[in-house]
Amino acid sequence: MTNTLMSIQIIPEHQQTGVIPLVDEAISIIDQSGLKYEVHPLETTIEGDLNACLILIEQINERMVELECDSIISQIKFYHVPEGITMDTLTDKYKS
């Protein structure tokens, strides 16, 4: 069941590649997870169960380490509703 919305902003530091190619790699990992997500200019929002979201954070950070990032800043926000939540629950009223 989808009971969690998670937004992630990742800022990996790597002297040779810069940030954007690494953010693209993080979004690729999110895409491969099969979870519903939306990419926004400053963060990506994902919906899933809490455990799947936590595992996804771990996978993204492990990949940044594999790519030899000097450091990784991750800002994470969770909205957890045990009986269920979707992005549309919060945004449908704003769609035209």
PDB file of N, CA and C in Angstrom:
ATOM      1  N   MET A   1       0.840  -1.186   0.000  1.00  0.00           N
ATOM      2  CA  MET A   1       0.000   0.000   0.000  1.00  0.00           C
ATOM      3  C   MET A   1       0.884   1.248   0.000  1.00  0.00           C
ATOM      4  N   THR A   2       0.422   2.259  -0.705  1.00  0.00           N
ATOM      5  CA  THR A   2       1.108   3.544  -0.700  1.00  0.00           C
ATOM      6  C   THR A   2       0.707   4.294   0.557  1.00  0.00           C
ATOM      7  N   ASN A   3       1.647   4.409   1.487  1.00  0.00           N
ATOM      8  CA  ASN A   3       1.338   5.107   2.727  1.00  0.00           C
ATOM      9  C   ASN A   3       2.324   6.235   3.025  1.00  0.00           C
ATOM     10  N   THR A   4       3.239   6.497   2.070  1.00  0.00           N
ATOM     11  CA  THR A   4       4.266   7.502   2.315  1.00  0.00           C
ATOM     12  C   THR A   4       4.524   8.313   1.053  1.00  0.00           C
ATOM     13  N   LEU A   5       4.625   9.613   1.237  1.00  0.00           N
ATOM     14  CA  LEU A   5       5.166  10.490   0.212  1.00  0.00           C
ATOM     15  C   LEU A   5       6.542  10.908   0.697  1.00  0.00           C
ATOM     16  N   MET A   6       7.520  10.837  -0.187  1.00  0.00           N
ATOM     17  CA  MET A   6       8.884  11.219   0.167  1.00  0.00           C
ATOM     18  C   MET A   6       9.406  12.153  -0.904  1.00  0.00           C
ATOM     19  N   SER A   7       9.962  13.261  -0.483  1.00  0.00           N
ATOM     20  CA  SER A   7      10.666  14.139  -1.404  1.00  0.00           C
ATOM     21  C   SER A   7      12.140  14.075  -1.082  1.00  0.00           C
ATOM     22  N   ILE A   8      12.953  13.989  -2.145  1.00  0.00           N
ATOM     23  CA  ILE A   8      14.390  13.924  -1.965  1.00  0.00           C
ATOM     24  C   ILE A   8      15.070  14.967  -2.846  1.00  0.00           C
ATOM     25  N   GLN A   9      15.994  15.654  -2.262  1.00  0.00           N
ATOM     26  CA  GLN A   9      16.902  16.534  -2.987  1.00  0.00           C
ATOM     27  C   GLN A   9      18.300  16.021  -2.658  1.00  0.00           C
ATOM     28  N   ILE A  10      19.020  15.616  -3.686  1.00  0.00           N
ATOM     29  CA  ILE A  10      20.366  15.095  -3.465  1.00  0.00           C
ATOM     30  C   ILE A  10      21.372  16.036  -4.121  1.00  0.00           C
ATOM     31  N   ILE A  11      22.432  16.344  -3.387  1.00  0.00           N
ATOM     32  CA  ILE A  11      23.479  17.227  -3.893  1.00  0.00           C
ATOM     33  C   ILE A  11      24.811  16.503  -3.706  1.00  0.00           C
ATOM     34  N   PRO A  12      25.185  15.683  -4.689  1.00  0.00           N
ATOM     35  CA  PRO A  12      26.464  14.977  -4.601  1.00  0.00           C
ATOM     36  C   PRO A  12      27.595  15.875  -5.107  1.00  0.00           C
ATOM     37  N   GLU A  13      28.740  15.751  -4.484  1.00  0.00           N
ATOM     38  CA  GLU A  13      29.909  16.536  -4.907  1.00  0.00           C
ATOM     39  C   GLU A  13      30.924  15.601  -5.557  1.00  0.00           C
ATOM     40  N   HIS A  14      31.307  15.955  -6.769  1.00  0.00           N
ATOM     41  CA  HIS A  14      32.305  15.182  -7.511  1.00  0.00           C
ATOM     42  C   HIS A  14      33.073  16.165  -8.375  1.00  0.00           C
ATOM     43  N   GLN A  15      34.383  16.195  -8.224  1.00  0.00           N
ATOM     44  CA  GLN A  15      35.215  17.196  -8.898  1.00  0.00           C
ATOM     45  C   GLN A  15      35.150  17.105 -10.423  1.00  0.00           C
ATOM     46  N   GLN A  16      35.074  15.905 -10.999  1.00  0.00           N
ATOM     47  CA  GLN A  16      35.121  15.760 -12.444  1.00  0.00           C
ATOM     48  C   GLN A  16      33.759  15.893 -13.124  1.00  0.00           C
ATOM     49  N   THR A  17      32.701  15.379 -12.541  1.00  0.00           N
ATOM     50  CA  THR A  17      31.428  15.305 -13.250  1.00  0.00           C
ATOM     51  C   THR A  17      30.496  16.469 -12.980  1.00  0.00           C
ATOM     52  N   GLY A  18      30.635  17.140 -11.865  1.00  0.00           N
ATOM     53  CA  GLY A  18      29.648  18.134 -11.483  1.00  0.00           C
ATOM     54  C   GLY A  18      28.412  17.456 -10.916  1.00  0.00           C
ATOM     55  N   VAL A  19      27.400  18.247 -10.600  1.00  0.00           N
ATOM     56  CA  VAL A  19      26.219  17.742  -9.898  1.00  0.00           C
ATOM     57  C   VAL A  19      25.169  17.129 -10.833  1.00  0.00           C
ATOM     58  N   ILE A  20      24.878  17.783 -11.934  1.00  0.00           N
ATOM     59  CA  ILE A  20      23.727  17.399 -12.762  1.00  0.00           C
ATOM     60  C   ILE A  20      23.793  15.958 -13.264  1.00  0.00           C
ATOM     61  N   PRO A  21      24.919  15.462 -13.797  1.00  0.00           N
ATOM     62  CA  PRO A  21      24.943  14.059 -14.231  1.00  0.00           C
ATOM     63  C   PRO A  21      24.689  13.079 -13.083  1.00  0.00           C
ATOM     64  N   LEU A  22      25.078  13.439 -11.883  1.00  0.00           N
ATOM     65  CA  LEU A  22      24.855  12.576 -10.724  1.00  0.00           C
ATOM     66  C   LEU A  22      23.394  12.609 -10.287  1.00  0.00           C
ATOM     67  N   VAL A  23      22.770  13.767 -10.377  1.00  0.00           N
ATOM     68  CA  VAL A  23      21.338  13.860 -10.094  1.00  0.00           C
ATOM     69  C   VAL A  23      20.573  13.031 -11.119  1.00  0.00           C
ATOM     70  N   ASP A  24      20.995  13.095 -12.389  1.00  0.00           N
ATOM     71  CA  ASP A  24      20.371  12.260 -13.419  1.00  0.00           C
ATOM     72  C   ASP A  24      20.492  10.778 -13.077  1.00  0.00           C
ATOM     73  N   GLU A  25      21.628  10.378 -12.543  1.00  0.00           N
ATOM     74  CA  GLU A  25      21.828   8.981 -12.133  1.00  0.00           C
ATOM     75  C   GLU A  25      20.895   8.626 -10.986  1.00  0.00           C
ATOM     76  N   ALA A  26      20.720   9.538 -10.030  1.00  0.00           N
ATOM     77  CA  ALA A  26      19.807   9.292  -8.913  1.00  0.00           C
ATOM     78  C   ALA A  26      18.374   9.132  -9.422  1.00  0.00           C
ATOM     79  N   ILE A  27      17.966   9.966 -10.373  1.00  0.00           N
ATOM     80  CA  ILE A  27      16.620   9.858 -10.936  1.00  0.00           C
ATOM     81  C   ILE A  27      16.454   8.540 -11.684  1.00  0.00           C
ATOM     82  N   SER A  28      17.509   8.077 -12.325  1.00  0.00           N
ATOM     83  CA  SER A  28      17.463   6.777 -12.998  1.00  0.00           C
ATOM     84  C   SER A  28      17.207   5.649 -11.997  1.00  0.00           C
ATOM     85  N   ILE A  29      17.826   5.728 -10.840  1.00  0.00           N
ATOM     86  CA  ILE A  29      17.621   4.726  -9.795  1.00  0.00           C
ATOM     87  C   ILE A  29      16.170   4.781  -9.299  1.00  0.00           C
ATOM     88  N   ILE A  30      15.644   5.980  -9.140  1.00  0.00           N
ATOM     89  CA  ILE A  30      14.247   6.135  -8.734  1.00  0.00           C
ATOM     90  C   ILE A  30      13.332   5.511  -9.782  1.00  0.00           C
ATOM     91  N   ASP A  31      13.616   5.776 -11.048  1.00  0.00           N
ATOM     92  CA  ASP A  31      12.813   5.222 -12.142  1.00  0.00           C
ATOM     93  C   ASP A  31      12.832   3.690 -12.121  1.00  0.00           C
ATOM     94  N   GLN A  32      14.013   3.120 -11.895  1.00  0.00           N
ATOM     95  CA  GLN A  32      14.155   1.660 -11.874  1.00  0.00           C
ATOM     96  C   GLN A  32      13.437   1.021 -10.684  1.00  0.00           C
ATOM     97  N   SER A  33      13.141   1.809  -9.659  1.00  0.00           N
ATOM     98  CA  SER A  33      12.482   1.264  -8.464  1.00  0.00           C
ATOM     99  C   SER A  33      11.046   0.833  -8.752  1.00  0.00           C
ATOM    100  N   GLY A  34      10.444   1.376  -9.783  1.00  0.00           N
ATOM    101  CA  GLY A  34       9.051   1.065 -10.088  1.00  0.00           C
ATOM    102  C   GLY A  34       8.047   1.881  -9.284  1.00  0.00           C
ATOM    103  N   LEU A  35       8.538   2.725  -8.384  1.00  0.00           N
ATOM    104  CA  LEU A  35       7.647   3.570  -7.594  1.00  0.00           C
ATOM    105  C   LEU A  35       7.187   4.758  -8.438  1.00  0.00           C
ATOM    106  N   LYS A  36       5.993   5.248  -8.166  1.00  0.00           N
ATOM    107  CA  LYS A  36       5.500   6.439  -8.845  1.00  0.00           C
ATOM    108  C   LYS A  36       6.297   7.634  -8.340  1.00  0.00           C
ATOM    109  N   TYR A  37       6.689   8.521  -9.278  1.00  0.00           N
ATOM    110  CA  TYR A  37       7.468   9.685  -8.880  1.00  0.00           C
ATOM    111  C   TYR A  37       7.209  10.843  -9.824  1.00  0.00           C
ATOM    112  N   GLU A  38       7.534  12.042  -9.366  1.00  0.00           N
ATOM    113  CA  GLU A  38       7.488  13.252 -10.176  1.00  0.00           C
ATOM    114  C   GLU A  38       8.766  14.021  -9.932  1.00  0.00           C
ATOM    115  N   VAL A  39       9.420  14.409 -11.019  1.00  0.00           N
ATOM    116  CA  VAL A  39      10.635  15.217 -10.938  1.00  0.00           C
ATOM    117  C   VAL A  39      10.237  16.687 -10.995  1.00  0.00           C
ATOM    118  N   HIS A  40      10.747  17.451 -10.064  1.00  0.00           N
ATOM    119  CA  HIS A  40      10.530  18.893 -10.007  1.00  0.00           C
ATOM    120  C   HIS A  40      11.897  19.576 -10.057  1.00  0.00           C
ATOM    121  N   PRO A  41      11.943  20.882 -10.274  1.00  0.00           N
ATOM    122  CA  PRO A  41      13.236  21.547 -10.452  1.00  0.00           C
ATOM    123  C   PRO A  41      14.225  21.370  -9.297  1.00  0.00           C
ATOM    124  N   LEU A  42      13.733  21.300  -8.071  1.00  0.00           N
ATOM    125  CA  LEU A  42      14.646  21.249  -6.931  1.00  0.00           C
ATOM    126  C   LEU A  42      14.561  19.985  -6.102  1.00  0.00           C
ATOM    127  N   GLU A  43      13.632  19.087  -6.441  1.00  0.00           N
ATOM    128  CA  GLU A  43      13.502  17.835  -5.715  1.00  0.00           C
ATOM    129  C   GLU A  43      12.617  16.882  -6.501  1.00  0.00           C
ATOM    130  N   THR A  44      12.637  15.631  -6.106  1.00  0.00           N
ATOM    131  CA  THR A  44      11.783  14.608  -6.713  1.00  0.00           C
ATOM    132  C   THR A  44      10.904  14.033  -5.623  1.00  0.00           C
ATOM    133  N   THR A  45       9.615  13.895  -5.923  1.00  0.00           N
ATOM    134  CA  THR A  45       8.664  13.338  -4.966  1.00  0.00           C
ATOM    135  C   THR A  45       8.287  11.931  -5.406  1.00  0.00           C
ATOM    136  N   ILE A  46       8.285  11.021  -4.449  1.00  0.00           N
ATOM    137  CA  ILE A  46       8.039   9.597  -4.692  1.00  0.00           C
ATOM    138  C   ILE A  46       6.904   9.163  -3.775  1.00  0.00           C
ATOM    139  N   GLU A  47       6.070   8.240  -4.261  1.00  0.00           N
ATOM    140  CA  GLU A  47       5.071   7.651  -3.375  1.00  0.00           C
ATOM    141  C   GLU A  47       5.273   6.144  -3.325  1.00  0.00           C
ATOM    142  N   GLY A  48       5.137   5.599  -2.125  1.00  0.00           N
ATOM    143  CA  GLY A  48       5.315   4.163  -1.933  1.00  0.00           C
ATOM    144  C   GLY A  48       5.105   3.823  -0.480  1.00  0.00           C
ATOM    145  N   ASP A  49       5.450   2.614  -0.102  1.00  0.00           N
ATOM    146  CA  ASP A  49       5.394   2.302   1.324  1.00  0.00           C
ATOM    147  C   ASP A  49       6.693   2.786   1.968  1.00  0.00           C
ATOM    148  N   LEU A  50       6.640   3.018   3.252  1.00  0.00           N
ATOM    149  CA  LEU A  50       7.768   3.620   3.968  1.00  0.00           C
ATOM    150  C   LEU A  50       9.046   2.822   3.775  1.00  0.00           C
ATOM    151  N   ASN A  51       8.970   1.510   3.876  1.00  0.00           N
ATOM    152  CA  ASN A  51      10.160   0.674   3.738  1.00  0.00           C
ATOM    153  C   ASN A  51      10.797   0.831   2.354  1.00  0.00           C
ATOM    154  N   ALA A  52       9.985   0.830   1.303  1.00  0.00           N
ATOM    155  CA  ALA A  52      10.507   0.984  -0.057  1.00  0.00           C
ATOM    156  C   ALA A  52      11.195   2.335  -0.225  1.00  0.00           C
ATOM    157  N   CYS A  53      10.650   3.367   0.387  1.00  0.00           N
ATOM    158  CA  CYS A  53      11.265   4.699   0.309  1.00  0.00           C
ATOM    159  C   CYS A  53      12.628   4.724   1.009  1.00  0.00           C
ATOM    160  N   LEU A  54      12.693   4.098   2.178  1.00  0.00           N
ATOM    161  CA  LEU A  54      13.963   4.051   2.910  1.00  0.00           C
ATOM    162  C   LEU A  54      15.019   3.256   2.139  1.00  0.00           C
ATOM    163  N   ILE A  55      14.621   2.156   1.548  1.00  0.00           N
ATOM    164  CA  ILE A  55      15.547   1.356   0.745  1.00  0.00           C
ATOM    165  C   ILE A  55      16.040   2.169  -0.439  1.00  0.00           C
ATOM    166  N   LEU A  56      15.165   2.936  -1.056  1.00  0.00           N
ATOM    167  CA  LEU A  56      15.544   3.754  -2.201  1.00  0.00           C
ATOM    168  C   LEU A  56      16.602   4.792  -1.831  1.00  0.00           C
ATOM    169  N   ILE A  57      16.456   5.424  -0.684  1.00  0.00           N
ATOM    170  CA  ILE A  57      17.477   6.380  -0.219  1.00  0.00           C
ATOM    171  C   ILE A  57      18.826   5.682  -0.097  1.00  0.00           C
ATOM    172  N   GLU A  58      18.826   4.504   0.490  1.00  0.00           N
ATOM    173  CA  GLU A  58      20.058   3.735   0.646  1.00  0.00           C
ATOM    174  C   GLU A  58      20.671   3.405  -0.709  1.00  0.00           C
ATOM    175  N   GLN A  59      19.854   2.976  -1.670  1.00  0.00           N
ATOM    176  CA  GLN A  59      20.362   2.628  -2.995  1.00  0.00           C
ATOM    177  C   GLN A  59      20.972   3.836  -3.696  1.00  0.00           C
ATOM    178  N   ILE A  60      20.330   4.981  -3.592  1.00  0.00           N
ATOM    179  CA  ILE A  60      20.852   6.195  -4.227  1.00  0.00           C
ATOM    180  C   ILE A  60      22.197   6.572  -3.614  1.00  0.00           C
ATOM    181  N   ASN A  61      22.277   6.546  -2.293  1.00  0.00           N
ATOM    182  CA  ASN A  61      23.538   6.919  -1.640  1.00  0.00           C
ATOM    183  C   ASN A  61      24.642   5.916  -1.928  1.00  0.00           C
ATOM    184  N   GLU A  62      24.314   4.630  -1.965  1.00  0.00           N
ATOM    185  CA  GLU A  62      25.327   3.620  -2.310  1.00  0.00           C
ATOM    186  C   GLU A  62      25.871   3.850  -3.723  1.00  0.00           C
ATOM    187  N   ARG A  63      24.978   4.225  -4.658  1.00  0.00           N
ATOM    188  CA  ARG A  63      25.422   4.481  -6.029  1.00  0.00           C
ATOM    189  C   ARG A  63      26.330   5.706  -6.088  1.00  0.00           C
ATOM    190  N   MET A  64      26.042   6.730  -5.317  1.00  0.00           N
ATOM    191  CA  MET A  64      26.895   7.915  -5.297  1.00  0.00           C
ATOM    192  C   MET A  64      28.281   7.563  -4.758  1.00  0.00           C
ATOM    193  N   VAL A  65      28.341   6.673  -3.781  1.00  0.00           N
ATOM    194  CA  VAL A  65      29.629   6.208  -3.256  1.00  0.00           C
ATOM    195  C   VAL A  65      30.372   5.423  -4.331  1.00  0.00           C
ATOM    196  N   GLU A  66      29.657   4.547  -5.057  1.00  0.00           N
ATOM    197  CA  GLU A  66      30.285   3.792  -6.152  1.00  0.00           C
ATOM    198  C   GLU A  66      30.873   4.718  -7.210  1.00  0.00           C
ATOM    199  N   LEU A  67      30.224   5.849  -7.432  1.00  0.00           N
ATOM    200  CA  LEU A  67      30.695   6.816  -8.426  1.00  0.00           C
ATOM    201  C   LEU A  67      31.779   7.742  -7.871  1.00  0.00           C
ATOM    202  N   GLU A  68      32.221   7.439  -6.661  1.00  0.00           N
ATOM    203  CA  GLU A  68      33.324   8.130  -5.996  1.00  0.00           C
ATOM    204  C   GLU A  68      33.059   9.610  -5.740  1.00  0.00           C
ATOM    205  N   CYS A  69      31.834   9.890  -5.281  1.00  0.00           N
ATOM    206  CA  CYS A  69      31.520  11.262  -4.892  1.00  0.00           C
ATOM    207  C   CYS A  69      32.327  11.627  -3.656  1.00  0.00           C
ATOM    208  N   ASP A  70      32.753  12.877  -3.616  1.00  0.00           N
ATOM    209  CA  ASP A  70      33.514  13.350  -2.462  1.00  0.00           C
ATOM    210  C   ASP A  70      32.615  13.493  -1.230  1.00  0.00           C
ATOM    211  N   SER A  71      31.373  13.886  -1.462  1.00  0.00           N
ATOM    212  CA  SER A  71      30.389  13.997  -0.383  1.00  0.00           C
ATOM    213  C   SER A  71      28.999  13.966  -0.999  1.00  0.00           C
ATOM    214  N   ILE A  72      28.005  13.711  -0.149  1.00  0.00           N
ATOM    215  CA  ILE A  72      26.618  13.622  -0.599  1.00  0.00           C
ATOM    216  C   ILE A  72      25.732  14.290   0.456  1.00  0.00           C
ATOM    217  N   ILE A  73      24.999  15.291   0.024  1.00  0.00           N
ATOM    218  CA  ILE A  73      23.987  15.895   0.887  1.00  0.00           C
ATOM    219  C   ILE A  73      22.643  15.413   0.383  1.00  0.00           C
ATOM    220  N   SER A  74      21.828  14.861   1.270  1.00  0.00           N
ATOM    221  CA  SER A  74      20.477  14.438   0.911  1.00  0.00           C
ATOM    222  C   SER A  74      19.499  15.104   1.862  1.00  0.00           C
ATOM    223  N   GLN A  75      18.562  15.838   1.305  1.00  0.00           N
ATOM    224  CA  GLN A  75      17.490  16.403   2.107  1.00  0.00           C
ATOM    225  C   GLN A  75      16.241  15.590   1.802  1.00  0.00           C
ATOM    226  N   ILE A  76      15.674  15.019   2.844  1.00  0.00           N
ATOM    227  CA  ILE A  76      14.546  14.105   2.697  1.00  0.00           C
ATOM    228  C   ILE A  76      13.367  14.628   3.513  1.00  0.00           C
ATOM    229  N   LYS A  77      12.183  14.566   2.916  1.00  0.00           N
ATOM    230  CA  LYS A  77      10.950  14.890   3.636  1.00  0.00           C
ATOM    231  C   LYS A  77      10.004  13.707   3.484  1.00  0.00           C
ATOM    232  N   PHE A  78       9.362  13.328   4.566  1.00  0.00           N
ATOM    233  CA  PHE A  78       8.382  12.245   4.561  1.00  0.00           C
ATOM    234  C   PHE A  78       7.027  12.778   5.005  1.00  0.00           C
ATOM    235  N   TYR A  79       5.982  12.281   4.359  1.00  0.00           N
ATOM    236  CA  TYR A  79       4.618  12.463   4.834  1.00  0.00           C
ATOM    237  C   TYR A  79       4.038  11.058   4.883  1.00  0.00           C
ATOM    238  N   HIS A  80       3.860  10.542   6.085  1.00  0.00           N
ATOM    239  CA  HIS A  80       3.438   9.155   6.277  1.00  0.00           C
ATOM    240  C   HIS A  80       2.002   9.135   6.807  1.00  0.00           C
ATOM    241  N   VAL A  81       1.128   8.423   6.101  1.00  0.00           N
ATOM    242  CA  VAL A  81      -0.262   8.278   6.502  1.00  0.00           C
ATOM    243  C   VAL A  81      -0.565   6.778   6.477  1.00  0.00           C
ATOM    244  N   PRO A  82      -0.635   6.128   7.634  1.00  0.00           N
ATOM    245  CA  PRO A  82      -0.794   4.674   7.670  1.00  0.00           C
ATOM    246  C   PRO A  82      -1.965   4.136   6.845  1.00  0.00           C
ATOM    247  N   GLU A  83      -3.073   4.878   6.771  1.00  0.00           N
ATOM    248  CA  GLU A  83      -4.215   4.374   6.005  1.00  0.00           C
ATOM    249  C   GLU A  83      -4.116   4.661   4.512  1.00  0.00           C
ATOM    250  N   GLY A  84      -3.063   5.366   4.075  1.00  0.00           N
ATOM    251  CA  GLY A  84      -2.819   5.566   2.657  1.00  0.00           C
ATOM    252  C   GLY A  84      -2.763   7.030   2.238  1.00  0.00           C
ATOM    253  N   ILE A  85      -1.898   7.321   1.274  1.00  0.00           N
ATOM    254  CA  ILE A  85      -1.728   8.678   0.752  1.00  0.00           C
ATOM    255  C   ILE A  85      -1.149   8.582  -0.658  1.00  0.00           C
ATOM    256  N   THR A  86      -1.539   9.521  -1.518  1.00  0.00           N
ATOM    257  CA  THR A  86      -0.949   9.631  -2.851  1.00  0.00           C
ATOM    258  C   THR A  86      -0.633  11.101  -3.115  1.00  0.00           C
ATOM    259  N   MET A  87       0.187  11.358  -4.110  1.00  0.00           N
ATOM    260  CA  MET A  87       0.476  12.733  -4.497  1.00  0.00           C
ATOM    261  C   MET A  87      -0.797  13.441  -4.914  1.00  0.00           C
ATOM    262  N   ASP A  88      -1.656  12.728  -5.650  1.00  0.00           N
ATOM    263  CA  ASP A  88      -2.904  13.323  -6.130  1.00  0.00           C
ATOM    264  C   ASP A  88      -3.800  13.780  -4.993  1.00  0.00           C
ATOM    265  N   THR A  89      -3.760  13.105  -3.864  1.00  0.00           N
ATOM    266  CA  THR A  89      -4.558  13.501  -2.701  1.00  0.00           C
ATOM    267  C   THR A  89      -4.276  14.957  -2.336  1.00  0.00           C
ATOM    268  N   LEU A  90      -3.024  15.357  -2.475  1.00  0.00           N
ATOM    269  CA  LEU A  90      -2.630  16.707  -2.081  1.00  0.00           C
ATOM    270  C   LEU A  90      -2.665  17.713  -3.230  1.00  0.00           C
ATOM    271  N   THR A  91      -2.613  17.243  -4.476  1.00  0.00           N
ATOM    272  CA  THR A  91      -2.455  18.183  -5.592  1.00  0.00           C
ATOM    273  C   THR A  91      -3.632  18.269  -6.551  1.00  0.00           C
ATOM    274  N   ASP A  92      -4.576  17.336  -6.506  1.00  0.00           N
ATOM    275  CA  ASP A  92      -5.683  17.348  -7.470  1.00  0.00           C
ATOM    276  C   ASP A  92      -6.432  18.687  -7.500  1.00  0.00           C
ATOM    277  N   LYS A  93      -6.609  19.307  -6.368  1.00  0.00           N
ATOM    278  CA  LYS A  93      -7.374  20.560  -6.334  1.00  0.00           C
ATOM    279  C   LYS A  93      -6.678  21.696  -7.073  1.00  0.00           C
ATOM    280  N   TYR A  94      -5.380  21.544  -7.383  1.00  0.00           N
ATOM    281  CA  TYR A  94      -4.638  22.589  -8.088  1.00  0.00           C
ATOM    282  C   TYR A  94      -4.517  22.332  -9.591  1.00  0.00           C
ATOM    283  N   LYS A  95      -4.929  21.171 -10.041  1.00  0.00           N
ATOM    284  CA  LYS A  95      -4.817  20.821 -11.455  1.00  0.00           C
ATOM    285  C   LYS A  95      -5.977  21.427 -12.225  1.00  0.00           C
ATOM    286  N   SER A  96      -5.666  22.000 -13.379  1.00  0.00           N
ATOM    287  CA  SER A  96      -6.730  22.627 -14.189  1.00  0.00           C
ATOM    288  C   SER A  96      -7.175  21.713 -15.316  1.00  0.00           C
TER     289      SER A  96
END
